[in-house]
PDB file of all heavy atoms in Angstrom:
ATOM      1  N   PHE A   1      -1.948  -6.077  -4.652  1.00  0.00           N
ATOM      2  CA  PHE A   1      -1.714  -7.318  -5.417  1.00  0.00           C
ATOM      3  C   PHE A   1      -1.152  -8.341  -4.454  1.00  0.00           C
ATOM      4  O   PHE A   1      -0.174  -8.098  -3.747  1.00  0.00           O
ATOM      5  CB  PHE A   1      -0.736  -7.073  -6.569  1.00  0.00           C
ATOM      6  CG  PHE A   1      -0.581  -8.301  -7.471  1.00  0.00           C
ATOM      7  CD1 PHE A   1      -1.446  -8.551  -8.485  1.00  0.00           C
ATOM      8  CD2 PHE A   1       0.480  -9.189  -7.264  1.00  0.00           C
ATOM      9  CE1 PHE A   1      -1.310  -9.637  -9.295  1.00  0.00           C
ATOM     10  CE2 PHE A   1       0.642 -10.300  -8.058  1.00  0.00           C
ATOM     11  CZ  PHE A   1      -0.274 -10.541  -9.098  1.00  0.00           C
ATOM     12  N   VAL A   2      -1.807  -9.515  -4.436  1.00  0.00           N
ATOM     13  CA  VAL A   2      -1.473 -10.571  -3.459  1.00  0.00           C
ATOM     14  C   VAL A   2      -0.657 -11.664  -4.115  1.00  0.00           C
ATOM     15  O   VAL A   2      -0.895 -12.053  -5.258  1.00  0.00           O
ATOM     16  CB  VAL A   2      -2.770 -11.148  -2.856  1.00  0.00           C
ATOM     17  CG1 VAL A   2      -2.467 -12.314  -1.943  1.00  0.00           C
ATOM     18  CG2 VAL A   2      -3.530 -10.083  -2.100  1.00  0.00           C
ATOM     19  N   THR A   3       0.328 -12.183  -3.357  1.00  0.00           N
ATOM     20  CA  THR A   3       1.050 -13.378  -3.793  1.00  0.00           C
ATOM     21  C   THR A   3       1.029 -14.388  -2.634  1.00  0.00           C
ATOM     22  O   THR A   3       0.909 -14.005  -1.485  1.00  0.00           O
ATOM     23  CB  THR A   3       2.530 -13.063  -4.125  1.00  0.00           C
ATOM     24  OG1 THR A   3       3.178 -12.516  -2.975  1.00  0.00           O
ATOM     25  CG2 THR A   3       2.607 -12.077  -5.274  1.00  0.00           C
ATOM     26  N   ILE A   4       1.086 -15.664  -2.997  1.00  0.00           N
ATOM     27  CA  ILE A   4       1.126 -16.697  -1.971  1.00  0.00           C
ATOM     28  C   ILE A   4       2.251 -17.665  -2.350  1.00  0.00           C
ATOM     29  O   ILE A   4       2.255 -18.216  -3.444  1.00  0.00           O
ATOM     30  CB  ILE A   4      -0.212 -17.462  -1.866  1.00  0.00           C
ATOM     31  CG1 ILE A   4      -1.352 -16.523  -1.467  1.00  0.00           C
ATOM     32  CG2 ILE A   4      -0.086 -18.593  -0.841  1.00  0.00           C
ATOM     33  CD1 ILE A   4      -2.697 -17.160  -1.371  1.00  0.00           C
ATOM     34  N   ASN A   5       3.161 -17.850  -1.437  1.00  0.00           N
ATOM     35  CA  ASN A   5       4.284 -18.780  -1.636  1.00  0.00           C
ATOM     36  C   ASN A   5       4.246 -19.808  -0.488  1.00  0.00           C
ATOM     37  O   ASN A   5       4.661 -19.505   0.628  1.00  0.00           O
ATOM     38  CB  ASN A   5       5.604 -18.024  -1.625  1.00  0.00           C
ATOM     39  CG  ASN A   5       6.788 -18.925  -1.908  1.00  0.00           C
ATOM     40  OD1 ASN A   5       6.620 -20.069  -2.382  1.00  0.00           O
ATOM     41  ND2 ASN A   5       7.978 -18.447  -1.618  1.00  0.00           N
ATOM     42  N   GLY A   6       3.721 -20.987  -0.811  1.00  0.00           N
ATOM     43  CA  GLY A   6       3.596 -21.992   0.227  1.00  0.00           C
ATOM     44  C   GLY A   6       2.599 -21.566   1.304  1.00  0.00           C
ATOM     45  O   GLY A   6       1.431 -21.429   1.033  1.00  0.00           O
ATOM     46  N   ASN A   7       3.127 -21.338   2.511  1.00  0.00           N
ATOM     47  CA  ASN A   7       2.255 -20.910   3.629  1.00  0.00           C
ATOM     48  C   ASN A   7       2.457 -19.443   3.951  1.00  0.00           C
ATOM     49  O   ASN A   7       2.109 -18.997   5.064  1.00  0.00           O
ATOM     50  CB  ASN A   7       2.580 -21.752   4.869  1.00  0.00           C
ATOM     51  CG  ASN A   7       2.282 -23.229   4.637  1.00  0.00           C
ATOM     52  OD1 ASN A   7       1.487 -23.625   3.774  1.00  0.00           O
ATOM     53  ND2 ASN A   7       2.922 -24.083   5.411  1.00  0.00           N
ATOM     54  N   GLU A   8       2.997 -18.676   3.024  1.00  0.00           N
ATOM     55  CA  GLU A   8       3.285 -17.270   3.290  1.00  0.00           C
ATOM     56  C   GLU A   8       2.522 -16.367   2.345  1.00  0.00           C
ATOM     57  O   GLU A   8       2.478 -16.607   1.110  1.00  0.00           O
ATOM     58  CB  GLU A   8       4.784 -17.014   3.119  1.00  0.00           C
ATOM     59  CG  GLU A   8       5.207 -15.593   3.461  1.00  0.00           C
ATOM     60  CD  GLU A   8       6.726 -15.417   3.306  1.00  0.00           C
ATOM     61  OE1 GLU A   8       7.199 -15.242   2.160  1.00  0.00           O
ATOM     62  OE2 GLU A   8       7.411 -15.483   4.330  1.00  0.00           O
ATOM     63  N   LEU A   9       1.876 -15.341   2.888  1.00  0.00           N
ATOM     64  CA  LEU A   9       1.126 -14.382   2.092  1.00  0.00           C
ATOM     65  C   LEU A   9       1.976 -13.146   1.868  1.00  0.00           C
ATOM     66  O   LEU A   9       2.522 -12.562   2.795  1.00  0.00           O
ATOM     67  CB  LEU A   9      -0.154 -13.980   2.834  1.00  0.00           C
ATOM     68  CG  LEU A   9      -1.012 -12.911   2.144  1.00  0.00           C
ATOM     69  CD1 LEU A   9      -1.718 -13.503   0.934  1.00  0.00           C
ATOM     70  CD2 LEU A   9      -2.050 -12.339   3.118  1.00  0.00           C
ATOM     71  N   GLY A  10       2.096 -12.780   0.591  1.00  0.00           N
ATOM     72  CA  GLY A  10       2.799 -11.559   0.245  1.00  0.00           C
ATOM     73  C   GLY A  10       1.854 -10.536  -0.330  1.00  0.00           C
ATOM     74  O   GLY A  10       0.781 -10.878  -0.819  1.00  0.00           O
ATOM     75  N   ALA A  11       2.227  -9.288  -0.264  1.00  0.00           N
ATOM     76  CA  ALA A  11       1.352  -8.252  -0.780  1.00  0.00           C
ATOM     77  C   ALA A  11       2.185  -7.083  -1.324  1.00  0.00           C
ATOM     78  O   ALA A  11       3.200  -6.700  -0.720  1.00  0.00           O
ATOM     79  CB  ALA A  11       0.408  -7.736   0.284  1.00  0.00           C
ATOM     80  N   GLN A  12       1.754  -6.554  -2.448  1.00  0.00           N
ATOM     81  CA  GLN A  12       2.282  -5.305  -2.995  1.00  0.00           C
ATOM     82  C   GLN A  12       1.187  -4.264  -2.820  1.00  0.00           C
ATOM     83  O   GLN A  12       0.047  -4.491  -3.240  1.00  0.00           O
ATOM     84  CB  GLN A  12       2.662  -5.454  -4.462  1.00  0.00           C
ATOM     85  CG  GLN A  12       3.753  -6.481  -4.719  1.00  0.00           C
ATOM     86  CD  GLN A  12       4.072  -6.574  -6.201  1.00  0.00           C
ATOM     87  OE1 GLN A  12       4.286  -5.565  -6.867  1.00  0.00           O
ATOM     88  NE2 GLN A  12       4.108  -7.802  -6.721  1.00  0.00           N
ATOM     89  N   ILE A  13       1.531  -3.158  -2.221  1.00  0.00           N
ATOM     90  CA  ILE A  13       0.528  -2.129  -1.887  1.00  0.00           C
ATOM     91  C   ILE A  13       0.987  -0.809  -2.478  1.00  0.00           C
ATOM     92  O   ILE A  13       2.137  -0.389  -2.308  1.00  0.00           O
ATOM     93  CB  ILE A  13       0.356  -1.966  -0.354  1.00  0.00           C
ATOM     94  CG1 ILE A  13      -0.096  -3.301   0.248  1.00  0.00           C
ATOM     95  CG2 ILE A  13      -0.610  -0.865  -0.029  1.00  0.00           C
ATOM     96  CD1 ILE A  13      -0.049  -3.326   1.753  1.00  0.00           C
ATOM     97  N   SER A  14       0.103  -0.116  -3.157  1.00  0.00           N
ATOM     98  CA  SER A  14       0.389   1.217  -3.684  1.00  0.00           C
ATOM     99  C   SER A  14      -0.858   2.067  -3.436  1.00  0.00           C
ATOM    100  O   SER A  14      -1.925   1.818  -4.014  1.00  0.00           O
ATOM    101  CB  SER A  14       0.694   1.165  -5.190  1.00  0.00           C
ATOM    102  OG  SER A  14       1.054   2.456  -5.660  1.00  0.00           O
ATOM    103  N   ILE A  15      -0.730   3.041  -2.561  1.00  0.00           N
ATOM    104  CA  ILE A  15      -1.905   3.798  -2.148  1.00  0.00           C
ATOM    105  C   ILE A  15      -1.566   5.250  -1.902  1.00  0.00           C
ATOM    106  O   ILE A  15      -0.435   5.575  -1.451  1.00  0.00           O
ATOM    107  CB  ILE A  15      -2.536   3.151  -0.876  1.00  0.00           C
ATOM    108  CG1 ILE A  15      -3.931   3.714  -0.586  1.00  0.00           C
ATOM    109  CG2 ILE A  15      -1.624   3.311   0.331  1.00  0.00           C
ATOM    110  CD1 ILE A  15      -4.680   2.900   0.436  1.00  0.00           C
ATOM    111  N   ARG A  16      -2.464   6.153  -2.196  1.00  0.00           N
ATOM    112  CA  ARG A  16      -2.214   7.589  -1.980  1.00  0.00           C
ATOM    113  C   ARG A  16      -2.224   7.869  -0.495  1.00  0.00           C
ATOM    114  O   ARG A  16      -3.056   7.359   0.250  1.00  0.00           O
ATOM    115  CB  ARG A  16      -3.295   8.409  -2.673  1.00  0.00           C
ATOM    116  CG  ARG A  16      -3.216   8.342  -4.189  1.00  0.00           C
ATOM    117  CD  ARG A  16      -4.290   9.204  -4.842  1.00  0.00           C
ATOM    118  NE  ARG A  16      -5.629   8.782  -4.459  1.00  0.00           N
ATOM    119  CZ  ARG A  16      -6.762   9.275  -4.935  1.00  0.00           C
ATOM    120  NH1 ARG A  16      -6.684  10.234  -5.842  1.00  0.00           N
ATOM    121  NH2 ARG A  16      -7.907   8.817  -4.552  1.00  0.00           N
ATOM    122  N   ALA A  17      -1.316   8.703  -0.063  1.00  0.00           N
ATOM    123  CA  ALA A  17      -1.208   9.031   1.370  1.00  0.00           C
ATOM    124  C   ALA A  17      -2.502   9.616   1.921  1.00  0.00           C
ATOM    125  O   ALA A  17      -2.920   9.261   3.015  1.00  0.00           O
ATOM    126  CB  ALA A  17      -0.052  10.010   1.580  1.00  0.00           C
ATOM    127  N   GLU A  18      -3.166  10.475   1.134  1.00  0.00           N
ATOM    128  CA  GLU A  18      -4.390  11.095   1.646  1.00  0.00           C
ATOM    129  C   GLU A  18      -5.525  10.094   1.828  1.00  0.00           C
ATOM    130  O   GLU A  18      -6.455  10.329   2.608  1.00  0.00           O
ATOM    131  CB  GLU A  18      -4.843  12.257   0.766  1.00  0.00           C
ATOM    132  CG  GLU A  18      -5.150  11.861  -0.696  1.00  0.00           C
ATOM    133  CD  GLU A  18      -3.989  12.086  -1.626  1.00  0.00           C
ATOM    134  OE1 GLU A  18      -2.834  11.944  -1.177  1.00  0.00           O
ATOM    135  OE2 GLU A  18      -4.227  12.409  -2.808  1.00  0.00           O
ATOM    136  N   ASP A  19      -5.438   8.958   1.104  1.00  0.00           N
ATOM    137  CA  ASP A  19      -6.500   7.971   1.245  1.00  0.00           C
ATOM    138  C   ASP A  19      -6.441   7.215   2.550  1.00  0.00           C
ATOM    139  O   ASP A  19      -7.380   6.507   2.914  1.00  0.00           O
ATOM    140  CB  ASP A  19      -6.409   6.956   0.090  1.00  0.00           C
ATOM    141  CG  ASP A  19      -6.849   7.565  -1.221  1.00  0.00           C
ATOM    142  OD1 ASP A  19      -7.462   8.644  -1.214  1.00  0.00           O
ATOM    143  OD2 ASP A  19      -6.574   6.965  -2.303  1.00  0.00           O
ATOM    144  N   ILE A  20      -5.312   7.307   3.265  1.00  0.00           N
ATOM    145  CA  ILE A  20      -5.239   6.688   4.591  1.00  0.00           C
ATOM    146  C   ILE A  20      -5.105   7.782   5.660  1.00  0.00           C
ATOM    147  O   ILE A  20      -4.593   7.540   6.749  1.00  0.00           O
ATOM    148  CB  ILE A  20      -4.066   5.691   4.688  1.00  0.00           C
ATOM    149  CG1 ILE A  20      -2.733   6.345   4.340  1.00  0.00           C
ATOM    150  CG2 ILE A  20      -4.337   4.495   3.814  1.00  0.00           C
ATOM    151  CD1 ILE A  20      -1.545   5.467   4.574  1.00  0.00           C
ATOM    152  N   GLY A  21      -5.601   8.994   5.335  1.00  0.00           N
ATOM    153  CA  GLY A  21      -5.661  10.049   6.351  1.00  0.00           C
ATOM    154  C   GLY A  21      -4.454  10.935   6.465  1.00  0.00           C
ATOM    155  O   GLY A  21      -4.436  11.844   7.311  1.00  0.00           O
ATOM    156  N   LEU A  22      -3.415  10.724   5.627  1.00  0.00           N
ATOM    157  CA  LEU A  22      -2.209  11.567   5.717  1.00  0.00           C
ATOM    158  C   LEU A  22      -2.369  12.741   4.745  1.00  0.00           C
ATOM    159  O   LEU A  22      -1.702  12.837   3.728  1.00  0.00           O
ATOM    160  CB  LEU A  22      -0.991  10.725   5.382  1.00  0.00           C
ATOM    161  CG  LEU A  22      -0.733   9.568   6.338  1.00  0.00           C
ATOM    162  CD1 LEU A  22       0.421   8.691   5.834  1.00  0.00           C
ATOM    163  CD2 LEU A  22      -0.451  10.051   7.743  1.00  0.00           C
ATOM    164  N   VAL A  23      -3.253  13.671   5.104  1.00  0.00           N
ATOM    165  CA  VAL A  23      -3.601  14.771   4.244  1.00  0.00           C
ATOM    166  C   VAL A  23      -2.389  15.670   3.952  1.00  0.00           C
ATOM    167  O   VAL A  23      -2.242  16.199   2.838  1.00  0.00           O
ATOM    168  CB  VAL A  23      -4.741  15.600   4.862  1.00  0.00           C
ATOM    169  CG1 VAL A  23      -5.117  16.770   3.944  1.00  0.00           C
ATOM    170  CG2 VAL A  23      -5.959  14.705   5.100  1.00  0.00           C
ATOM    171  N   ARG A  24      -1.525  15.812   4.920  1.00  0.00           N
ATOM    172  CA  ARG A  24      -0.334  16.678   4.720  1.00  0.00           C
ATOM    173  C   ARG A  24       0.618  16.123   3.671  1.00  0.00           C
ATOM    174  O   ARG A  24       1.476  16.849   3.197  1.00  0.00           O
ATOM    175  CB  ARG A  24       0.388  16.853   6.055  1.00  0.00           C
ATOM    176  CG  ARG A  24      -0.330  17.789   7.009  1.00  0.00           C
ATOM    177  CD  ARG A  24       0.495  18.016   8.273  1.00  0.00           C
ATOM    178  NE  ARG A  24       0.584  16.809   9.086  1.00  0.00           N
ATOM    179  CZ  ARG A  24       1.322  16.740  10.186  1.00  0.00           C
ATOM    180  NH1 ARG A  24       2.065  17.760  10.586  1.00  0.00           N
ATOM    181  NH2 ARG A  24       1.340  15.633  10.894  1.00  0.00           N
ATOM    182  N   LEU A  25       0.446  14.843   3.340  1.00  0.00           N
ATOM    183  CA  LEU A  25       1.280  14.234   2.321  1.00  0.00           C
ATOM    184  C   LEU A  25       0.521  14.040   1.001  1.00  0.00           C
ATOM    185  O   LEU A  25       0.872  13.218   0.184  1.00  0.00           O
ATOM    186  CB  LEU A  25       1.798  12.886   2.789  1.00  0.00           C
ATOM    187  CG  LEU A  25       2.718  12.921   4.026  1.00  0.00           C
ATOM    188  CD1 LEU A  25       3.065  11.525   4.501  1.00  0.00           C
ATOM    189  CD2 LEU A  25       3.980  13.697   3.737  1.00  0.00           C
ATOM    190  N   ARG A  26      -0.510  14.859   0.814  1.00  0.00           N
ATOM    191  CA  ARG A  26      -1.323  14.756  -0.408  1.00  0.00           C
ATOM    192  C   ARG A  26      -0.447  14.797  -1.637  1.00  0.00           C
ATOM    193  O   ARG A  26       0.457  15.633  -1.778  1.00  0.00           O
ATOM    194  CB  ARG A  26      -2.337  15.924  -0.454  1.00  0.00           C
ATOM    195  CG  ARG A  26      -3.275  15.875  -1.667  1.00  0.00           C
ATOM    196  CD  ARG A  26      -4.247  17.029  -1.633  1.00  0.00           C
ATOM    197  NE  ARG A  26      -5.103  16.946  -0.436  1.00  0.00           N
ATOM    198  CZ  ARG A  26      -6.215  16.205  -0.372  1.00  0.00           C
ATOM    199  NH1 ARG A  26      -6.571  15.443  -1.412  1.00  0.00           N
ATOM    200  NH2 ARG A  26      -6.931  16.195   0.721  1.00  0.00           N
ATOM    201  N   GLY A  27      -0.730  13.848  -2.572  1.00  0.00           N
ATOM    202  CA  GLY A  27       0.040  13.811  -3.816  1.00  0.00           C
ATOM    203  C   GLY A  27       1.191  12.828  -3.761  1.00  0.00           C
ATOM    204  O   GLY A  27       1.777  12.531  -4.810  1.00  0.00           O
ATOM    205  N   ARG A  28       1.512  12.277  -2.592  1.00  0.00           N
ATOM    206  CA  ARG A  28       2.558  11.287  -2.488  1.00  0.00           C
ATOM    207  C   ARG A  28       1.926   9.898  -2.326  1.00  0.00           C
ATOM    208  O   ARG A  28       0.763   9.756  -1.977  1.00  0.00           O
ATOM    209  CB  ARG A  28       3.490  11.583  -1.316  1.00  0.00           C
ATOM    210  CG  ARG A  28       4.206  12.918  -1.449  1.00  0.00           C
ATOM    211  CD  ARG A  28       5.339  13.035  -0.443  1.00  0.00           C
ATOM    212  NE  ARG A  28       6.451  12.105  -0.742  1.00  0.00           N
ATOM    213  CZ  ARG A  28       7.439  12.352  -1.559  1.00  0.00           C
ATOM    214  NH1 ARG A  28       7.478  13.503  -2.204  1.00  0.00           N
ATOM    215  NH2 ARG A  28       8.392  11.484  -1.755  1.00  0.00           N
ATOM    216  N   TYR A  29       2.723   8.863  -2.632  1.00  0.00           N
ATOM    217  CA  TYR A  29       2.224   7.475  -2.640  1.00  0.00           C
ATOM    218  C   TYR A  29       3.064   6.628  -1.715  1.00  0.00           C
ATOM    219  O   TYR A  29       4.281   6.758  -1.628  1.00  0.00           O
ATOM    220  CB  TYR A  29       2.267   6.888  -4.034  1.00  0.00           C
ATOM    221  CG  TYR A  29       1.264   7.510  -4.985  1.00  0.00           C
ATOM    222  CD1 TYR A  29       1.558   8.730  -5.622  1.00  0.00           C
ATOM    223  CD2 TYR A  29       0.031   6.908  -5.229  1.00  0.00           C
ATOM    224  CE1 TYR A  29       0.635   9.313  -6.483  1.00  0.00           C
ATOM    225  CE2 TYR A  29      -0.888   7.488  -6.099  1.00  0.00           C
ATOM    226  CZ  TYR A  29      -0.577   8.699  -6.731  1.00  0.00           C
ATOM    227  OH  TYR A  29      -1.483   9.262  -7.556  1.00  0.00           O
ATOM    228  N   VAL A  30       2.381   5.705  -1.040  1.00  0.00           N
ATOM    229  CA  VAL A  30       3.032   4.663  -0.255  1.00  0.00           C
ATOM    230  C   VAL A  30       3.125   3.431  -1.126  1.00  0.00           C
ATOM    231  O   VAL A  30       2.106   2.847  -1.433  1.00  0.00           O
ATOM    232  CB  VAL A  30       2.265   4.373   1.050  1.00  0.00           C
ATOM    233  CG1 VAL A  30       3.011   3.314   1.860  1.00  0.00           C
ATOM    234  CG2 VAL A  30       2.090   5.625   1.872  1.00  0.00           C
ATOM    235  N   ASN A  31       4.345   3.066  -1.527  1.00  0.00           N
ATOM    236  CA  ASN A  31       4.565   1.863  -2.331  1.00  0.00           C
ATOM    237  C   ASN A  31       5.355   0.883  -1.497  1.00  0.00           C
ATOM    238  O   ASN A  31       6.510   1.112  -1.192  1.00  0.00           O
ATOM    239  CB  ASN A  31       5.327   2.232  -3.610  1.00  0.00           C
ATOM    240  CG  ASN A  31       4.567   3.170  -4.509  1.00  0.00           C
ATOM    241  OD1 ASN A  31       3.339   3.067  -4.636  1.00  0.00           O
ATOM    242  ND2 ASN A  31       5.238   4.094  -5.133  1.00  0.00           N
TER     243      ASN A  31
END
């Protein structure tokens, strides 16, 4: 989810660890 405040880009990211190759952390989320 993206936010923009003036000239600054903000982002909220929630993704499964295994989706970015961290298989050993399967089932956990990077928020």
